[in-house]
Amino acid sequence: LEKCVGCELCAWACPADAIYVEGADNTEEERYSPGERYGRVYQINYARCILCGLCIEACPTRALTMTNEF
């Protein structure tokens, strides 16, 4: 299962407006995440990202990580 539950907290926390999340509801037939919702569309614009890490702190499920590898 995906860790992202489509809550959009990472997008709201981003000061550079580099994250776009579109959440959708899980169904009994198709379950993509452990929560009621999942991130149907998830985009990070790395050209806008300032590597501040606020999105990582905001994520309640630890779906985001930051490493030195690209």
PDB file of N, CA and C in Angstrom:
ATOM      1  N   LEU A   1       0.831  -1.190   0.000  1.00  0.00           N
ATOM      2  CA  LEU A   1       0.000   0.000   0.000  1.00  0.00           C
ATOM      3  C   LEU A   1       0.874   1.251   0.000  1.00  0.00           C
ATOM      4  N   GLU A   2       0.384   2.280  -0.617  1.00  0.00           N
ATOM      5  CA  GLU A   2       1.059   3.570  -0.604  1.00  0.00           C
ATOM      6  C   GLU A   2       0.930   4.194   0.780  1.00  0.00           C
ATOM      7  N   LYS A   3       1.943   4.943   1.181  1.00  0.00           N
ATOM      8  CA  LYS A   3       1.872   5.625   2.473  1.00  0.00           C
ATOM      9  C   LYS A   3       1.037   6.903   2.395  1.00  0.00           C
ATOM     10  N   CYS A   4       1.015   7.539   1.235  1.00  0.00           N
ATOM     11  CA  CYS A   4       0.303   8.811   1.081  1.00  0.00           C
ATOM     12  C   CYS A   4      -1.202   8.597   1.217  1.00  0.00           C
ATOM     13  N   VAL A   5      -1.833   9.410   2.073  1.00  0.00           N
ATOM     14  CA  VAL A   5      -3.272   9.325   2.279  1.00  0.00           C
ATOM     15  C   VAL A   5      -4.004  10.519   1.654  1.00  0.00           C
ATOM     16  N   GLY A   6      -3.311  11.303   0.841  1.00  0.00           N
ATOM     17  CA  GLY A   6      -3.944  12.400   0.112  1.00  0.00           C
ATOM     18  C   GLY A   6      -4.452  13.530   0.975  1.00  0.00           C
ATOM     19  N   CYS A   7      -3.836  13.775   2.119  1.00  0.00           N
ATOM     20  CA  CYS A   7      -4.307  14.817   3.038  1.00  0.00           C
ATOM     21  C   CYS A   7      -3.916  16.223   2.585  1.00  0.00           C
ATOM     22  N   GLU A   8      -2.924  16.340   1.720  1.00  0.00           N
ATOM     23  CA  GLU A   8      -2.448  17.595   1.146  1.00  0.00           C
ATOM     24  C   GLU A   8      -1.718  18.490   2.143  1.00  0.00           C
ATOM     25  N   LEU A   9      -1.382  17.984   3.316  1.00  0.00           N
ATOM     26  CA  LEU A   9      -0.666  18.796   4.301  1.00  0.00           C
ATOM     27  C   LEU A   9       0.713  19.205   3.796  1.00  0.00           C
ATOM     28  N   CYS A  10       1.359  18.347   3.030  1.00  0.00           N
ATOM     29  CA  CYS A  10       2.676  18.675   2.479  1.00  0.00           C
ATOM     30  C   CYS A  10       2.578  19.864   1.528  1.00  0.00           C
ATOM     31  N   ALA A  11       1.552  19.888   0.696  1.00  0.00           N
ATOM     32  CA  ALA A  11       1.370  20.988  -0.257  1.00  0.00           C
ATOM     33  C   ALA A  11       1.092  22.295   0.474  1.00  0.00           C
ATOM     34  N   TRP A  12       0.303  22.237   1.534  1.00  0.00           N
ATOM     35  CA  TRP A  12       0.003  23.449   2.294  1.00  0.00           C
ATOM     36  C   TRP A  12       1.232  23.957   3.035  1.00  0.00           C
ATOM     37  N   ALA A  13       2.120  23.063   3.448  1.00  0.00           N
ATOM     38  CA  ALA A  13       3.310  23.457   4.200  1.00  0.00           C
ATOM     39  C   ALA A  13       4.413  24.016   3.307  1.00  0.00           C
ATOM     40  N   CYS A  14       4.350  23.768   2.017  1.00  0.00           N
ATOM     41  CA  CYS A  14       5.434  24.146   1.105  1.00  0.00           C
ATOM     42  C   CYS A  14       5.429  25.649   0.825  1.00  0.00           C
ATOM     43  N   PRO A  15       6.475  26.382   1.264  1.00  0.00           N
ATOM     44  CA  PRO A  15       6.524  27.824   1.018  1.00  0.00           C
ATOM     45  C   PRO A  15       6.816  28.166  -0.444  1.00  0.00           C
ATOM     46  N   ALA A  16       7.348  27.224  -1.209  1.00  0.00           N
ATOM     47  CA  ALA A  16       7.692  27.470  -2.613  1.00  0.00           C
ATOM     48  C   ALA A  16       6.575  27.047  -3.565  1.00  0.00           C
ATOM     49  N   ASP A  17       5.475  26.526  -3.039  1.00  0.00           N
ATOM     50  CA  ASP A  17       4.359  26.045  -3.850  1.00  0.00           C
ATOM     51  C   ASP A  17       4.838  25.046  -4.900  1.00  0.00           C
ATOM     52  N   ALA A  18       5.678  24.112  -4.461  1.00  0.00           N
ATOM     53  CA  ALA A  18       6.289  23.141  -5.369  1.00  0.00           C
ATOM     54  C   ALA A  18       5.580  21.792  -5.372  1.00  0.00           C
ATOM     55  N   ILE A  19       4.552  21.623  -4.542  1.00  0.00           N
ATOM     56  CA  ILE A  19       3.886  20.324  -4.419  1.00  0.00           C
ATOM     57  C   ILE A  19       2.414  20.458  -4.774  1.00  0.00           C
ATOM     58  N   TYR A  20       1.940  19.522  -5.574  1.00  0.00           N
ATOM     59  CA  TYR A  20       0.520  19.445  -5.918  1.00  0.00           C
ATOM     60  C   TYR A  20       0.031  18.037  -5.591  1.00  0.00           C
ATOM     61  N   VAL A  21      -1.022  17.951  -4.792  1.00  0.00           N
ATOM     62  CA  VAL A  21      -1.612  16.660  -4.432  1.00  0.00           C
ATOM     63  C   VAL A  21      -3.108  16.720  -4.707  1.00  0.00           C
ATOM     64  N   GLU A  22      -3.603  15.694  -5.353  1.00  0.00           N
ATOM     65  CA  GLU A  22      -5.039  15.547  -5.554  1.00  0.00           C
ATOM     66  C   GLU A  22      -5.449  14.236  -4.903  1.00  0.00           C
ATOM     67  N   GLY A  23      -6.203  14.323  -3.836  1.00  0.00           N
ATOM     68  CA  GLY A  23      -6.613  13.134  -3.105  1.00  0.00           C
ATOM     69  C   GLY A  23      -7.884  12.530  -3.668  1.00  0.00           C
ATOM     70  N   ALA A  24      -8.067  11.246  -3.416  1.00  0.00           N
ATOM     71  CA  ALA A  24      -9.284  10.541  -3.821  1.00  0.00           C
ATOM     72  C   ALA A  24      -9.619   9.520  -2.744  1.00  0.00           C
ATOM     73  N   ASP A  25     -10.865   9.105  -2.717  1.00  0.00           N
ATOM     74  CA  ASP A  25     -11.319   8.152  -1.706  1.00  0.00           C
ATOM     75  C   ASP A  25     -10.971   6.721  -2.092  1.00  0.00           C
ATOM     76  N   ASN A  26     -10.516   5.951  -1.105  1.00  0.00           N
ATOM     77  CA  ASN A  26     -10.346   4.511  -1.293  1.00  0.00           C
ATOM     78  C   ASN A  26     -11.723   3.859  -1.335  1.00  0.00           C
ATOM     79  N   THR A  27     -11.820   2.748  -2.034  1.00  0.00           N
ATOM     80  CA  THR A  27     -13.054   1.961  -2.036  1.00  0.00           C
ATOM     81  C   THR A  27     -12.717   0.557  -1.559  1.00  0.00           C
ATOM     82  N   GLU A  28     -13.716  -0.205  -1.248  1.00  0.00           N
ATOM     83  CA  GLU A  28     -13.481  -1.585  -0.812  1.00  0.00           C
ATOM     84  C   GLU A  28     -12.887  -2.419  -1.946  1.00  0.00           C
ATOM     85  N   GLU A  29     -13.261  -2.107  -3.189  1.00  0.00           N
ATOM     86  CA  GLU A  29     -12.746  -2.852  -4.335  1.00  0.00           C
ATOM     87  C   GLU A  29     -11.297  -2.484  -4.647  1.00  0.00           C
ATOM     88  N   GLU A  30     -10.976  -1.203  -4.510  1.00  0.00           N
ATOM     89  CA  GLU A  30      -9.629  -0.720  -4.825  1.00  0.00           C
ATOM     90  C   GLU A  30      -9.100   0.091  -3.655  1.00  0.00           C
ATOM     91  N   ARG A  31      -8.160  -0.481  -2.928  1.00  0.00           N
ATOM     92  CA  ARG A  31      -7.566   0.188  -1.774  1.00  0.00           C
ATOM     93  C   ARG A  31      -6.094   0.433  -2.069  1.00  0.00           C
ATOM     94  N   TYR A  32      -5.720   1.735  -2.085  1.00  0.00           N
ATOM     95  CA  TYR A  32      -4.353   2.115  -2.425  1.00  0.00           C
ATOM     96  C   TYR A  32      -3.524   2.535  -1.213  1.00  0.00           C
ATOM     97  N   SER A  33      -4.181   2.923  -0.132  1.00  0.00           N
ATOM     98  CA  SER A  33      -3.467   3.364   1.065  1.00  0.00           C
ATOM     99  C   SER A  33      -4.211   2.863   2.297  1.00  0.00           C
ATOM    100  N   PRO A  34      -3.561   2.924   3.469  1.00  0.00           N
ATOM    101  CA  PRO A  34      -4.213   2.421   4.680  1.00  0.00           C
ATOM    102  C   PRO A  34      -5.350   3.312   5.179  1.00  0.00           C
ATOM    103  N   GLY A  35      -5.419   4.559   4.738  1.00  0.00           N
ATOM    104  CA  GLY A  35      -6.453   5.473   5.202  1.00  0.00           C
ATOM    105  C   GLY A  35      -7.701   5.434   4.340  1.00  0.00           C
ATOM    106  N   GLU A  36      -8.591   6.405   4.582  1.00  0.00           N
ATOM    107  CA  GLU A  36      -9.810   6.509   3.786  1.00  0.00           C
ATOM    108  C   GLU A  36      -9.521   7.082   2.408  1.00  0.00           C
ATOM    109  N   ARG A  37      -8.401   7.825   2.289  1.00  0.00           N
ATOM    110  CA  ARG A  37      -8.055   8.491   1.040  1.00  0.00           C
ATOM    111  C   ARG A  37      -6.661   8.087   0.590  1.00  0.00           C
ATOM    112  N   TYR A  38      -6.337   8.426  -0.630  1.00  0.00           N
ATOM    113  CA  TYR A  38      -4.996   8.209  -1.168  1.00  0.00           C
ATOM    114  C   TYR A  38      -4.650   9.362  -2.099  1.00  0.00           C
ATOM    115  N   GLY A  39      -3.378   9.540  -2.386  1.00  0.00           N
ATOM    116  CA  GLY A  39      -2.938  10.576  -3.303  1.00  0.00           C
ATOM    117  C   GLY A  39      -3.056  10.100  -4.738  1.00  0.00           C
ATOM    118  N   ARG A  40      -4.158  10.448  -5.400  1.00  0.00           N
ATOM    119  CA  ARG A  40      -4.371  10.006  -6.785  1.00  0.00           C
ATOM    120  C   ARG A  40      -3.384  10.693  -7.729  1.00  0.00           C
ATOM    121  N   VAL A  41      -3.150  11.986  -7.522  1.00  0.00           N
ATOM    122  CA  VAL A  41      -2.155  12.735  -8.293  1.00  0.00           C
ATOM    123  C   VAL A  41      -1.195  13.346  -7.290  1.00  0.00           C
ATOM    124  N   TYR A  42       0.095  13.116  -7.497  1.00  0.00           N
ATOM    125  CA  TYR A  42       1.103  13.651  -6.594  1.00  0.00           C
ATOM    126  C   TYR A  42       2.271  14.143  -7.432  1.00  0.00           C
ATOM    127  N   GLN A  43       2.524  15.450  -7.404  1.00  0.00           N
ATOM    128  CA  GLN A  43       3.590  16.024  -8.217  1.00  0.00           C
ATOM    129  C   GLN A  43       4.470  16.925  -7.366  1.00  0.00           C
ATOM    130  N   ILE A  44       5.781  16.777  -7.527  1.00  0.00           N
ATOM    131  CA  ILE A  44       6.747  17.683  -6.911  1.00  0.00           C
ATOM    132  C   ILE A  44       7.512  18.360  -8.037  1.00  0.00           C
ATOM    133  N   ASN A  45       7.488  19.688  -8.056  1.00  0.00           N
ATOM    134  CA  ASN A  45       8.241  20.453  -9.043  1.00  0.00           C
ATOM    135  C   ASN A  45       9.619  20.725  -8.445  1.00  0.00           C
ATOM    136  N   TYR A  46      10.597  19.910  -8.828  1.00  0.00           N
ATOM    137  CA  TYR A  46      11.931  20.024  -8.245  1.00  0.00           C
ATOM    138  C   TYR A  46      12.643  21.304  -8.661  1.00  0.00           C
ATOM    139  N   ALA A  47      12.198  21.960  -9.724  1.00  0.00           N
ATOM    140  CA  ALA A  47      12.777  23.245 -10.116  1.00  0.00           C
ATOM    141  C   ALA A  47      12.370  24.341  -9.135  1.00  0.00           C
ATOM    142  N   ARG A  48      11.225  24.183  -8.483  1.00  0.00           N
ATOM    143  CA  ARG A  48      10.757  25.169  -7.503  1.00  0.00           C
ATOM    144  C   ARG A  48      11.149  24.820  -6.071  1.00  0.00           C
ATOM    145  N   CYS A  49      11.423  23.543  -5.804  1.00  0.00           N
ATOM    146  CA  CYS A  49      11.722  23.073  -4.449  1.00  0.00           C
ATOM    147  C   CYS A  49      12.962  23.770  -3.892  1.00  0.00           C
ATOM    148  N   ILE A  50      12.857  24.263  -2.647  1.00  0.00           N
ATOM    149  CA  ILE A  50      13.995  24.929  -2.004  1.00  0.00           C
ATOM    150  C   ILE A  50      14.642  24.041  -0.938  1.00  0.00           C
ATOM    151  N   LEU A  51      14.251  22.774  -0.895  1.00  0.00           N
ATOM    152  CA  LEU A  51      14.838  21.771   0.004  1.00  0.00           C
ATOM    153  C   LEU A  51      14.767  22.177   1.475  1.00  0.00           C
ATOM    154  N   CYS A  52      13.655  22.785   1.877  1.00  0.00           N
ATOM    155  CA  CYS A  52      13.507  23.236   3.264  1.00  0.00           C
ATOM    156  C   CYS A  52      13.086  22.109   4.205  1.00  0.00           C
ATOM    157  N   GLY A  53      12.429  21.059   3.682  1.00  0.00           N
ATOM    158  CA  GLY A  53      12.013  19.935   4.501  1.00  0.00           C
ATOM    159  C   GLY A  53      10.704  20.118   5.246  1.00  0.00           C
ATOM    160  N   LEU A  54      10.008  21.227   5.038  1.00  0.00           N
ATOM    161  CA  LEU A  54       8.744  21.447   5.744  1.00  0.00           C
ATOM    162  C   LEU A  54       7.676  20.441   5.328  1.00  0.00           C
ATOM    163  N   CYS A  55       7.731  19.969   4.100  1.00  0.00           N
ATOM    164  CA  CYS A  55       6.769  18.956   3.644  1.00  0.00           C
ATOM    165  C   CYS A  55       6.959  17.650   4.403  1.00  0.00           C
ATOM    166  N   ILE A  56       8.199  17.314   4.680  1.00  0.00           N
ATOM    167  CA  ILE A  56       8.502  16.079   5.405  1.00  0.00           C
ATOM    168  C   ILE A  56       7.979  16.159   6.837  1.00  0.00           C
ATOM    169  N   GLU A  57       8.156  17.311   7.465  1.00  0.00           N
ATOM    170  CA  GLU A  57       7.661  17.499   8.828  1.00  0.00           C
ATOM    171  C   GLU A  57       6.140  17.480   8.880  1.00  0.00           C
ATOM    172  N   ALA A  58       5.484  17.966   7.829  1.00  0.00           N
ATOM    173  CA  ALA A  58       4.022  18.051   7.816  1.00  0.00           C
ATOM    174  C   ALA A  58       3.347  16.716   7.546  1.00  0.00           C
ATOM    175  N   CYS A  59       4.046  15.785   6.920  1.00  0.00           N
ATOM    176  CA  CYS A  59       3.435  14.519   6.505  1.00  0.00           C
ATOM    177  C   CYS A  59       3.152  13.615   7.705  1.00  0.00           C
ATOM    178  N   PRO A  60       1.873  13.277   7.959  1.00  0.00           N
ATOM    179  CA  PRO A  60       1.541  12.454   9.120  1.00  0.00           C
ATOM    180  C   PRO A  60       1.885  10.974   8.954  1.00  0.00           C
ATOM    181  N   THR A  61       2.108  10.517   7.714  1.00  0.00           N
ATOM    182  CA  THR A  61       2.380   9.099   7.477  1.00  0.00           C
ATOM    183  C   THR A  61       3.817   8.831   7.058  1.00  0.00           C
ATOM    184  N   ARG A  62       4.651   9.857   7.054  1.00  0.00           N
ATOM    185  CA  ARG A  62       6.065   9.728   6.651  1.00  0.00           C
ATOM    186  C   ARG A  62       6.193   9.181   5.226  1.00  0.00           C
ATOM    187  N   ALA A  63       5.308   9.634   4.340  1.00  0.00           N
ATOM    188  CA  ALA A  63       5.354   9.200   2.945  1.00  0.00           C
ATOM    189  C   ALA A  63       6.476   9.891   2.173  1.00  0.00           C
ATOM    190  N   LEU A  64       6.955  11.015   2.689  1.00  0.00           N
ATOM    191  CA  LEU A  64       8.033  11.762   2.032  1.00  0.00           C
ATOM    192  C   LEU A  64       9.339  11.574   2.778  1.00  0.00           C
ATOM    193  N   THR A  65      10.416  11.490   2.020  1.00  0.00           N
ATOM    194  CA  THR A  65      11.756  11.446   2.605  1.00  0.00           C
ATOM    195  C   THR A  65      12.658  12.349   1.785  1.00  0.00           C
ATOM    196  N   MET A  66      13.756  12.756   2.383  1.00  0.00           N
ATOM    197  CA  MET A  66      14.731  13.566   1.671  1.00  0.00           C
ATOM    198  C   MET A  66      16.097  12.917   1.845  1.00  0.00           C
ATOM    199  N   THR A  67      16.780  12.690   0.725  1.00  0.00           N
ATOM    200  CA  THR A  67      18.119  12.110   0.753  1.00  0.00           C
ATOM    201  C   THR A  67      19.050  12.969  -0.089  1.00  0.00           C
ATOM    202  N   ASN A  68      20.319  12.622  -0.096  1.00  0.00           N
ATOM    203  CA  ASN A  68      21.294  13.332  -0.916  1.00  0.00           C
ATOM    204  C   ASN A  68      21.364  12.772  -2.331  1.00  0.00           C
ATOM    205  N   GLU A  69      20.637  11.702  -2.601  1.00  0.00           N
ATOM    206  CA  GLU A  69      20.645  11.079  -3.920  1.00  0.00           C
ATOM    207  C   GLU A  69      19.513  11.634  -4.773  1.00  0.00           C
ATOM    208  N   PHE A  70      19.798  11.827  -6.056  1.00  0.00           N
ATOM    209  CA  PHE A  70      18.781  12.345  -6.976  1.00  0.00           C
ATOM    210  C   PHE A  70      18.409  11.299  -7.977  1.00  0.00           C
TER     211      PHE A  70
END
